[in-house]
Amino acid sequence: MWSIEEFVTATGITVEELAAYVAASQSGTPPVLRRRPPRELAERLGLADWIAKGGMTPDTYRPFLRDFLAEGTRLHHPGFLAHQTASPDFPAALADFVHGTINNPMAIYEMGAAAATVEFEVIRWMLGKVGFAEGGGVLTHGGSLANLTALLAARARAVPEAWEEGVPGDVVVLAPESAHYSVARSVSILGLGRRAMVTLPTDRLGRLDVTRFPDVVDGRLRTGSGQSRRVLALVAGACATGTGLHDDLRAIGEWCRERGVWFHVDGAHGASALLSPGLRHLLDGVELADSVVWDAHKMLRTSSLAAAVLTRREADLDAAFQQEASYIFYGDQGFDLINRTVECTKGGLGLKVFLNLAWRGEHGLGEYVARQYATAHRLWELGRERPGFTFPYEPESNIVCFRYGSGDQAEIRERLMAAGAFHLSSAELDGVRHLRVSVMAPATGDATMEALLDAVEAAG
């Protein structure tokens, strides 16, 4: 039984501590990350004792929460530049709190009518932005599930008998080597096997080169032996995870249309550029896609996870799953989303997107995207003027790759992280290891970029 008084008290403590945590993170004062060994951290937090004995109260909860918050990674910190994970805006945090309290698993409409209806409208908005006037969609727990769902829809079109009879051995997926790892993982989960992934030609930066695509006629890939294999889908990036660069969606989409190939755009990170008038051109041709993935927990500033899978034809998404279960598939199926997702118990993910839109507006979110892209471009401008720095391309998004000197870039990254002011990732381009920056936090600005370049020089 809930104690309402204790709940109210603990909630107040949580708000106070989180507000202090975010403020400190945005100031850049504490280290951007801490990563003690698990055994040491478990002892510091007293995890074994709490699990064994229980008895936490609001008075003991406050110091536990304070210690817990101090030992993670601060995504609101200006020096957090590592991964494509949002610095969540507070409306999305409110949505998580609401869902955590009411727990309406709304894939079945009767289990969460308000949450489901909010998702319907969020999906309708996203479909409009992509240009799918007759499309369908659903929110999933992450881009990996979204990519899997989109490829399931493509499989239902290319091999409709696969759900009952299994996947035949003559099916392939075309994708660049730079495609997100979840694409190859989805291909194996679908039962095609990793060898069904056919790598498409790219330029040296990993962008698809449509002029060198293989011979495909009527949706079938011709092989050197004279045989042909069915193409389940072709995957393009908007933008690539490693570099932030975009494939030529219009040229690829027209190529797919002419040959009857399902065109899937992984826009998990970059689709949010559709909200900025000055950046929409980066996704020119996205409306030619058959399916698109768009993660809200990246550039729409929602907390993890909330990813949309969108199809140009609503019926294609409805065909992805063909399931019967008398205890769940009955009643008002017209409003149930369970027919479109892997998940049965699915959180009210739409509320996070909706509240960010309701508070900030579409224009406000678009301005955020443009600002982060501009800050990354500023890093490129500043770095080119300094000796020792090399940038292999001009950034198109908020992701930038670069090198300093000829030494071990991974070692430079470790030194930066150990110092505590910056958290970077790294990636290989054309077989060479680079430092990689992803500008996500609103607190990150030009001063941060100057300080980063100074820190890289010192670490190098």
Protein backbone atom coordinates (compact mmCIF):
# COMPACT_ATOMS: atom_id res chain seq x y z
CA MET A 1 0.00 0.00 0.00
CA TRP A 2 1.29 3.43 -0.96
CA SER A 3 1.96 6.03 1.68
CA ILE A 4 0.88 9.20 -0.11
CA GLU A 5 2.72 11.38 2.39
CA GLU A 6 5.97 9.46 1.86
CA PHE A 7 5.50 9.62 -1.90
CA VAL A 8 5.05 13.40 -1.82
CA THR A 9 8.09 13.83 0.41
CA ALA A 10 10.30 11.56 -1.72
CA THR A 11 9.11 13.28 -4.87
CA GLY A 12 10.10 16.66 -3.46
CA ILE A 13 13.53 15.32 -2.57
CA THR A 14 13.91 13.89 -6.07
CA VAL A 15 13.02 17.20 -7.72
CA GLU A 16 15.41 19.13 -5.49
CA GLU A 17 18.33 16.77 -6.09
CA LEU A 18 17.72 16.50 -9.83
CA ALA A 19 17.47 20.28 -10.16
CA ALA A 20 20.80 20.66 -8.36
CA TYR A 21 22.30 17.89 -10.51
CA VAL A 22 21.22 19.50 -13.79
CA ALA A 23 22.37 22.96 -12.69
CA ALA A 24 25.78 21.65 -11.67
CA SER A 25 26.07 19.65 -14.88
CA GLN A 26 25.19 22.63 -17.07
CA SER A 27 27.82 24.72 -15.30
CA GLY A 28 30.51 22.24 -16.29
CA THR A 29 31.95 22.25 -12.77
CA PRO A 30 31.86 18.53 -11.86
CA PRO A 31 33.53 15.85 -14.02
CA VAL A 32 31.48 14.95 -17.08
CA LEU A 33 31.67 11.27 -16.13
CA ARG A 34 32.75 8.93 -13.40
CA ARG A 35 33.31 5.23 -13.99
CA ARG A 36 34.39 3.44 -10.84
CA PRO A 37 34.63 -0.37 -11.07
CA PRO A 38 31.22 -1.98 -10.37
CA ARG A 39 32.30 -3.68 -7.14
CA GLU A 40 33.65 -0.44 -5.68
CA LEU A 41 30.58 1.50 -6.77
CA ALA A 42 28.19 -1.11 -5.39
CA GLU A 43 29.91 -0.80 -2.00
CA ARG A 44 29.78 2.98 -2.11
CA LEU A 45 26.03 2.93 -2.78
CA GLY A 46 25.40 0.18 -0.22
CA LEU A 47 23.48 -1.84 -2.77
CA ALA A 48 23.81 -5.26 -1.14
CA ASP A 49 22.60 -3.98 2.24
CA TRP A 50 19.63 -2.14 0.75
CA ILE A 51 18.63 -5.22 -1.23
CA ALA A 52 18.97 -7.54 1.73
CA LYS A 53 17.42 -5.36 4.44
CA GLY A 54 15.24 -2.71 2.78
CA GLY A 55 14.02 0.06 5.05
CA MET A 56 14.86 3.10 2.96
CA THR A 57 13.09 6.27 4.07
CA PRO A 58 12.99 9.79 2.64
CA ASP A 59 15.81 10.72 5.03
CA THR A 60 18.10 7.93 3.78
CA TYR A 61 16.89 8.21 0.19
CA ARG A 62 18.33 11.72 -0.25
CA PRO A 63 22.00 10.80 0.35
CA PHE A 64 21.60 7.62 -1.71
CA LEU A 65 20.19 9.58 -4.65
CA ARG A 66 22.89 12.23 -4.34
CA ASP A 67 25.63 9.58 -4.45
CA PHE A 68 23.88 7.78 -7.32
CA LEU A 69 23.68 10.92 -9.43
CA ALA A 70 27.33 11.77 -8.78
CA GLU A 71 28.54 8.45 -10.19
CA GLY A 72 27.12 8.51 -13.72
CA THR A 73 27.60 10.45 -16.93
CA ARG A 74 26.29 14.01 -17.07
CA LEU A 75 24.54 14.45 -20.41
CA HIS A 76 23.67 18.07 -19.55
CA HIS A 77 27.39 18.88 -19.18
CA PRO A 78 28.92 21.11 -21.91
CA GLY A 79 31.78 18.64 -22.19
CA PHE A 80 29.52 15.67 -22.95
CA LEU A 81 30.37 15.15 -26.62
CA ALA A 82 30.54 11.39 -26.89
CA HIS A 83 27.33 9.72 -27.93
CA GLN A 84 24.08 10.51 -29.72
CA THR A 85 22.03 10.52 -26.55
CA ALA A 86 19.83 13.46 -25.68
CA SER A 87 20.31 15.93 -22.90
CA PRO A 88 16.63 15.55 -21.99
CA ASP A 89 14.40 18.58 -21.70
CA PHE A 90 12.31 18.81 -18.54
CA PRO A 91 8.91 18.20 -20.22
CA ALA A 92 10.13 14.77 -21.34
CA ALA A 93 11.28 14.10 -17.77
CA LEU A 94 7.79 14.96 -16.55
CA ALA A 95 6.37 12.44 -19.02
CA ASP A 96 8.65 9.73 -17.60
CA PHE A 97 7.46 10.59 -14.11
CA VAL A 98 3.81 10.41 -15.17
CA HIS A 99 4.26 7.07 -16.92
CA GLY A 100 6.29 5.69 -14.02
CA THR A 101 3.34 6.45 -11.76
CA ILE A 102 0.34 5.42 -13.87
CA ASN A 103 2.06 2.59 -15.82
CA ASN A 104 -0.38 2.40 -18.75
CA PRO A 105 1.01 -0.12 -21.29
CA MET A 106 -0.91 1.43 -24.17
CA ALA A 107 -0.14 -0.94 -27.04
CA ILE A 108 -3.59 -2.23 -26.12
CA TYR A 109 -5.92 0.76 -26.29
CA GLU A 110 -8.04 -0.21 -23.30
CA MET A 111 -4.89 -0.18 -21.15
CA GLY A 112 -4.11 3.48 -21.85
CA ALA A 113 -6.51 5.41 -24.06
CA ALA A 114 -4.97 8.83 -23.37
CA ALA A 115 -1.39 7.62 -23.90
CA ALA A 116 -2.36 5.82 -27.11
CA THR A 117 -4.22 8.83 -28.47
CA VAL A 118 -1.23 11.09 -27.78
CA GLU A 119 0.95 8.64 -29.72
CA PHE A 120 -1.50 8.64 -32.64
CA GLU A 121 -1.17 12.41 -32.93
CA VAL A 122 2.62 12.43 -32.51
CA ILE A 123 2.93 9.80 -35.25
CA ARG A 124 0.58 11.80 -37.48
CA TRP A 125 2.83 14.84 -36.99
CA MET A 126 5.98 12.86 -37.82
CA LEU A 127 4.40 11.34 -40.93
CA GLY A 128 3.55 14.83 -42.10
CA LYS A 129 7.11 16.01 -41.62
CA VAL A 130 8.52 13.08 -43.58
CA GLY A 131 5.93 13.49 -46.35
CA PHE A 132 3.96 10.27 -45.91
CA ALA A 133 0.40 11.49 -46.51
CA GLU A 134 -1.07 7.96 -46.46
CA GLY A 135 1.45 6.44 -44.08
CA GLY A 136 1.41 4.60 -40.79
CA GLY A 137 3.70 4.45 -37.81
CA VAL A 138 4.37 3.45 -34.24
CA LEU A 139 6.81 4.39 -31.47
CA THR A 140 9.17 1.70 -30.22
CA HIS A 141 11.72 1.40 -27.43
CA GLY A 142 14.72 2.42 -29.51
CA GLY A 143 16.04 2.67 -33.04
CA SER A 144 17.23 -0.93 -33.12
CA LEU A 145 13.66 -2.17 -32.65
CA ALA A 146 12.49 0.43 -35.16
CA ASN A 147 14.96 -0.78 -37.80
CA LEU A 148 13.93 -4.37 -37.12
CA THR A 149 10.25 -3.48 -37.45
CA ALA A 150 10.81 -1.62 -40.72
CA LEU A 151 12.68 -4.59 -42.18
CA LEU A 152 9.88 -6.89 -41.02
CA ALA A 153 7.49 -4.73 -43.02
CA ALA A 154 9.84 -4.94 -46.01
CA ARG A 155 10.01 -8.73 -45.61
CA ALA A 156 6.22 -8.97 -45.59
CA ARG A 157 6.20 -7.19 -48.95
CA ALA A 158 9.09 -9.07 -50.56
CA VAL A 159 8.45 -12.52 -49.06
CA PRO A 160 4.85 -12.62 -47.75
CA GLU A 161 5.08 -16.34 -47.06
CA ALA A 162 8.02 -15.92 -44.65
CA TRP A 163 5.89 -15.53 -41.51
CA GLU A 164 4.42 -19.02 -41.91
CA GLU A 165 7.08 -20.87 -43.90
CA GLY A 166 10.34 -19.19 -42.90
CA VAL A 167 12.75 -17.07 -44.88
CA PRO A 168 13.99 -18.54 -48.19
CA GLY A 169 17.69 -18.56 -48.98
CA ASP A 170 17.59 -16.15 -51.91
CA VAL A 171 16.87 -12.91 -50.01
CA VAL A 172 19.40 -10.10 -49.46
CA VAL A 173 19.56 -6.64 -47.87
CA LEU A 174 21.65 -3.93 -49.52
CA ALA A 175 23.42 -1.47 -47.21
CA PRO A 176 26.67 0.46 -46.87
CA GLU A 177 29.35 -0.72 -44.49
CA SER A 178 28.67 2.47 -42.50
CA ALA A 179 25.09 1.42 -41.70
CA HIS A 180 24.22 1.28 -38.00
CA TYR A 181 25.07 -2.09 -36.48
CA SER A 182 21.38 -2.68 -35.71
CA VAL A 183 20.75 -3.21 -39.44
CA ALA A 184 23.09 -6.20 -39.63
CA ARG A 185 21.73 -7.43 -36.30
CA SER A 186 18.17 -7.19 -37.65
CA VAL A 187 19.13 -9.17 -40.75
CA SER A 188 20.38 -12.01 -38.55
CA ILE A 189 17.36 -11.82 -36.23
CA LEU A 190 15.10 -12.06 -39.29
CA GLY A 191 16.73 -15.38 -40.11
CA LEU A 192 18.48 -14.28 -43.29
CA GLY A 193 21.97 -14.74 -41.88
CA ARG A 194 24.77 -12.21 -41.88
CA ARG A 195 25.83 -13.31 -45.37
CA ALA A 196 22.55 -11.91 -46.70
CA MET A 197 23.97 -8.43 -46.13
CA VAL A 198 25.32 -7.16 -49.46
CA THR A 199 27.67 -4.20 -48.95
CA LEU A 200 27.03 -1.33 -51.33
CA PRO A 201 29.83 0.82 -52.78
CA THR A 202 30.57 4.14 -51.10
CA ASP A 203 33.01 6.99 -51.32
CA ARG A 204 35.96 7.11 -48.90
CA LEU A 205 33.77 8.76 -46.24
CA GLY A 206 31.15 6.02 -46.34
CA ARG A 207 28.46 7.79 -48.40
CA LEU A 208 26.56 5.61 -50.86
CA ASP A 209 27.65 5.97 -54.50
CA VAL A 210 24.52 5.27 -56.55
CA THR A 211 26.50 5.33 -59.80
CA ARG A 212 28.26 2.11 -58.74
CA PHE A 213 25.26 0.16 -57.43
CA PRO A 214 24.92 -3.47 -58.53
CA ASP A 215 22.59 -4.62 -61.30
CA VAL A 216 19.05 -4.96 -59.96
CA VAL A 217 16.00 -5.60 -62.16
CA ASP A 218 12.42 -6.01 -60.89
CA GLY A 219 13.63 -6.21 -57.31
CA ARG A 220 16.14 -8.98 -58.00
CA LEU A 221 19.92 -8.71 -57.64
CA ARG A 222 21.87 -10.35 -60.44
CA THR A 223 24.92 -12.29 -59.30
CA GLY A 224 28.07 -13.17 -61.18
CA SER A 225 26.95 -16.78 -61.55
CA GLY A 226 23.92 -15.72 -63.56
CA GLN A 227 21.53 -16.40 -60.71
CA SER A 228 19.43 -13.70 -59.05
CA ARG A 229 18.42 -13.00 -55.46
CA ARG A 230 15.43 -11.09 -54.14
CA VAL A 231 16.24 -7.72 -52.60
CA LEU A 232 14.33 -7.31 -49.34
CA ALA A 233 15.41 -3.68 -48.84
CA LEU A 234 18.08 -1.10 -49.51
CA VAL A 235 19.21 0.90 -46.46
CA ALA A 236 20.51 4.48 -46.62
CA GLY A 237 21.64 6.79 -43.83
CA ALA A 238 20.38 10.24 -42.83
CA CYS A 239 22.79 10.69 -41.24
CA ALA A 240 25.53 8.07 -40.79
CA THR A 241 26.19 7.27 -37.14
CA GLY A 242 29.96 7.52 -37.40
CA THR A 243 30.38 10.67 -39.46
CA GLY A 244 27.06 12.52 -39.43
CA LEU A 245 27.14 12.63 -43.24
CA HIS A 246 24.05 12.08 -45.40
CA ASP A 247 23.43 9.80 -48.34
CA ASP A 248 21.82 11.26 -51.47
CA LEU A 249 18.27 10.18 -50.63
CA ARG A 250 16.69 11.51 -53.81
CA ALA A 251 19.06 9.74 -56.17
CA ILE A 252 18.86 6.51 -54.18
CA GLY A 253 15.08 6.73 -53.85
CA GLU A 254 14.64 7.18 -57.60
CA TRP A 255 16.97 4.24 -58.23
CA CYS A 256 14.88 2.06 -55.90
CA ARG A 257 11.57 3.19 -57.45
CA GLU A 258 12.77 2.28 -60.95
CA ARG A 259 13.73 -1.23 -59.82
CA GLY A 260 10.97 -2.07 -57.39
CA VAL A 261 13.25 -2.13 -54.32
CA TRP A 262 12.05 -1.26 -50.81
CA PHE A 263 13.89 1.90 -49.75
CA HIS A 264 14.58 2.21 -46.01
CA VAL A 265 16.05 5.40 -44.55
CA ASP A 266 17.71 5.18 -41.16
CA GLY A 267 17.04 8.74 -40.05
CA ALA A 268 17.33 7.89 -36.36
CA HIS A 269 19.63 10.82 -35.72
CA GLY A 270 19.21 13.15 -38.66
CA ALA A 271 15.47 13.19 -39.33
CA SER A 272 15.03 15.95 -36.74
CA ALA A 273 16.69 18.31 -39.24
CA LEU A 274 13.28 18.31 -40.95
CA LEU A 275 12.20 20.80 -38.26
CA SER A 276 14.74 23.41 -39.35
CA PRO A 277 14.02 25.36 -42.57
CA GLY A 278 17.74 25.79 -43.11
CA LEU A 279 18.52 22.08 -42.73
CA ARG A 280 15.60 20.31 -44.41
CA HIS A 281 17.58 20.03 -47.64
CA LEU A 282 19.80 17.42 -45.99
CA LEU A 283 16.86 15.00 -46.21
CA ASP A 284 15.72 15.93 -49.71
CA GLY A 285 14.06 12.84 -51.18
CA VAL A 286 13.11 11.21 -47.87
CA GLU A 287 9.49 11.17 -49.05
CA LEU A 288 10.55 8.57 -51.66
CA ALA A 289 11.35 6.08 -48.90
CA ASP A 290 9.13 3.12 -48.10
CA SER A 291 10.12 3.28 -44.42
CA VAL A 292 11.92 5.73 -42.16
CA VAL A 293 13.27 5.47 -38.61
CA TRP A 294 13.34 8.65 -36.48
CA ASP A 295 14.61 8.66 -32.87
CA ALA A 296 13.13 11.25 -30.53
CA HIS A 297 15.69 10.38 -27.84
CA LYS A 298 18.44 11.92 -29.93
CA MET A 299 17.70 15.36 -31.39
CA LEU A 300 14.14 15.84 -30.09
CA ARG A 301 15.53 15.93 -26.54
CA THR A 302 13.41 13.16 -25.05
CA SER A 303 14.81 10.71 -22.55
CA SER A 304 15.56 7.19 -23.71
CA LEU A 305 13.82 5.53 -25.38
CA ALA A 306 11.39 6.77 -28.03
CA ALA A 307 11.89 5.90 -31.69
CA ALA A 308 9.41 6.08 -34.54
CA VAL A 309 9.13 3.59 -37.40
CA LEU A 310 7.18 5.20 -40.24
CA THR A 311 5.97 3.61 -43.49
CA ARG A 312 4.79 5.37 -46.63
CA ARG A 313 1.84 2.96 -46.91
CA GLU A 314 0.01 2.20 -43.69
CA ALA A 315 -0.88 -1.33 -44.83
CA ASP A 316 2.82 -2.24 -45.07
CA LEU A 317 3.32 -1.70 -41.35
CA ASP A 318 0.15 -3.62 -40.53
CA ALA A 319 1.52 -6.58 -42.52
CA ALA A 320 4.78 -6.76 -40.55
CA PHE A 321 3.29 -8.93 -37.79
CA GLN A 322 0.74 -11.74 -38.12
CA GLN A 323 -0.07 -13.05 -34.68
CA GLU A 324 -2.97 -14.69 -32.88
CA ALA A 325 -3.51 -15.02 -29.14
CA SER A 326 -7.03 -15.30 -27.79
CA TYR A 327 -6.13 -13.58 -24.51
CA ILE A 328 -4.92 -10.38 -26.16
CA PHE A 329 -6.02 -10.05 -29.80
CA TYR A 330 -9.70 -9.26 -29.49
CA GLY A 331 -11.96 -6.27 -28.89
CA ASP A 332 -11.24 -2.87 -30.39
CA GLN A 333 -8.30 -3.88 -32.58
CA GLY A 334 -8.68 -0.77 -34.72
CA PHE A 335 -7.05 1.32 -31.97
CA ASP A 336 -4.56 -1.25 -30.70
CA LEU A 337 -0.89 -0.69 -31.58
CA ILE A 338 0.22 -4.17 -30.52
CA ASN A 339 -0.30 -5.33 -34.11
CA ARG A 340 2.59 -3.07 -35.18
CA THR A 341 5.25 -3.69 -32.56
CA VAL A 342 7.50 -6.35 -31.11
CA GLU A 343 6.54 -5.08 -27.66
CA CYS A 344 3.36 -6.11 -25.90
CA THR A 345 3.97 -4.03 -22.78
CA LYS A 346 4.88 -0.73 -24.39
CA GLY A 347 5.36 2.49 -22.48
CA GLY A 348 3.51 5.70 -23.28
CA LEU A 349 6.39 7.02 -25.35
CA GLY A 350 4.38 9.61 -27.23
CA LEU A 351 3.86 11.75 -24.13
CA LYS A 352 7.58 12.55 -24.01
CA VAL A 353 7.58 13.86 -27.56
CA PHE A 354 4.25 15.62 -27.12
CA LEU A 355 5.21 17.51 -23.96
CA ASN A 356 8.48 18.70 -25.53
CA LEU A 357 6.47 19.95 -28.51
CA ALA A 358 3.78 21.45 -26.27
CA TRP A 359 6.37 23.38 -24.23
CA ARG A 360 8.97 24.29 -26.88
CA GLY A 361 6.96 24.16 -30.08
CA GLU A 362 8.09 22.72 -33.35
CA HIS A 363 9.99 25.94 -34.01
CA GLY A 364 11.84 25.71 -30.71
CA LEU A 365 12.96 22.15 -31.35
CA GLY A 366 14.06 23.13 -34.85
CA GLU A 367 16.12 25.99 -33.42
CA TYR A 368 17.80 23.56 -31.01
CA VAL A 369 18.77 21.25 -33.89
CA ALA A 370 20.14 24.16 -35.92
CA ARG A 371 22.11 25.46 -32.93
CA GLN A 372 23.80 22.11 -32.28
CA TYR A 373 24.66 21.71 -35.96
CA ALA A 374 26.12 25.23 -36.00
CA THR A 375 28.25 24.56 -32.91
CA ALA A 376 29.72 21.45 -34.51
CA HIS A 377 30.47 23.44 -37.64
CA ARG A 378 32.21 26.02 -35.47
CA LEU A 379 34.53 23.30 -34.13
CA TRP A 380 35.51 22.53 -37.72
CA GLU A 381 36.12 26.21 -38.46
CA LEU A 382 38.24 26.72 -35.34
CA GLY A 383 40.18 23.47 -35.64
CA ARG A 384 41.23 24.00 -39.24
CA GLU A 385 43.11 27.12 -38.15
CA ARG A 386 45.25 25.21 -35.65
CA PRO A 387 48.37 23.26 -36.62
CA GLY A 388 48.22 19.52 -36.00
CA PHE A 389 44.47 19.14 -36.47
CA THR A 390 43.07 17.40 -39.54
CA PHE A 391 39.38 17.23 -40.44
CA PRO A 392 38.49 14.79 -43.23
CA TYR A 393 35.24 16.56 -44.16
CA GLU A 394 33.09 19.59 -43.49
CA PRO A 395 30.38 18.53 -41.01
CA GLU A 396 26.77 18.34 -42.18
CA SER A 397 25.25 17.72 -38.76
CA ASN A 398 26.28 17.94 -35.11
CA ILE A 399 28.79 15.11 -35.54
CA VAL A 400 32.44 15.87 -36.35
CA CYS A 401 35.44 13.56 -36.78
CA PHE A 402 39.03 14.79 -36.59
CA ARG A 403 42.58 13.80 -35.70
CA TYR A 404 45.31 15.57 -33.78
CA GLY A 405 48.85 14.71 -34.75
CA SER A 406 49.87 11.24 -35.84
CA GLY A 407 49.73 9.53 -32.45
CA ASP A 408 47.22 7.15 -30.88
CA GLN A 409 43.87 8.94 -30.96
CA ALA A 410 42.32 6.43 -28.56
CA GLU A 411 44.99 7.35 -26.02
CA ILE A 412 44.18 11.06 -26.41
CA ARG A 413 40.53 10.21 -25.77
CA GLU A 414 41.40 8.30 -22.59
CA ARG A 415 43.46 11.19 -21.28
CA LEU A 416 40.62 13.63 -21.90
CA MET A 417 38.14 11.40 -20.10
CA ALA A 418 40.50 10.86 -17.17
CA ALA A 419 40.86 14.63 -16.80
CA GLY A 420 37.07 14.84 -16.47
CA ALA A 421 36.24 17.91 -18.55
CA PHE A 422 35.40 16.19 -21.84
CA HIS A 423 33.80 12.94 -22.94
CA LEU A 424 34.47 12.11 -26.60
CA SER A 425 33.98 8.97 -28.68
CA SER A 426 35.95 7.79 -31.71
CA ALA A 427 35.36 6.21 -35.10
CA GLU A 428 37.29 4.80 -38.01
CA LEU A 429 37.16 6.57 -41.37
CA ASP A 430 38.73 4.87 -44.35
CA GLY A 431 40.49 2.53 -41.92
CA VAL A 432 42.00 5.32 -39.78
CA ARG A 433 41.01 6.00 -36.16
CA HIS A 434 39.62 9.50 -35.49
CA LEU A 435 38.30 11.39 -32.49
CA ARG A 436 34.57 11.95 -32.77
CA VAL A 437 32.41 14.71 -31.31
CA SER A 438 28.61 14.71 -31.12
CA VAL A 439 27.26 18.07 -29.90
CA MET A 440 24.13 17.23 -27.89
CA ALA A 441 23.93 19.40 -24.75
CA PRO A 442 22.40 22.89 -25.01
CA ALA A 443 25.11 24.09 -22.62
CA THR A 444 27.78 23.33 -25.24
CA GLY A 445 28.86 26.42 -27.18
CA ASP A 446 31.76 28.04 -28.98
CA ALA A 447 33.72 28.46 -25.74
CA THR A 448 33.44 24.71 -25.19
CA MET A 449 34.84 24.07 -28.66
CA GLU A 450 37.84 26.34 -28.02
CA ALA A 451 38.47 24.65 -24.67
CA LEU A 452 38.21 21.21 -26.29
CA LEU A 453 40.83 22.03 -28.90
CA ASP A 454 43.12 23.31 -26.13
CA ALA A 455 42.56 20.13 -24.13
CA VAL A 456 43.24 17.89 -27.15
CA GLU A 457 46.52 19.70 -27.79
CA ALA A 458 47.53 19.22 -24.17
CA ALA A 459 46.51 15.54 -24.16
CA GLY A 460 48.24 14.90 -27.48
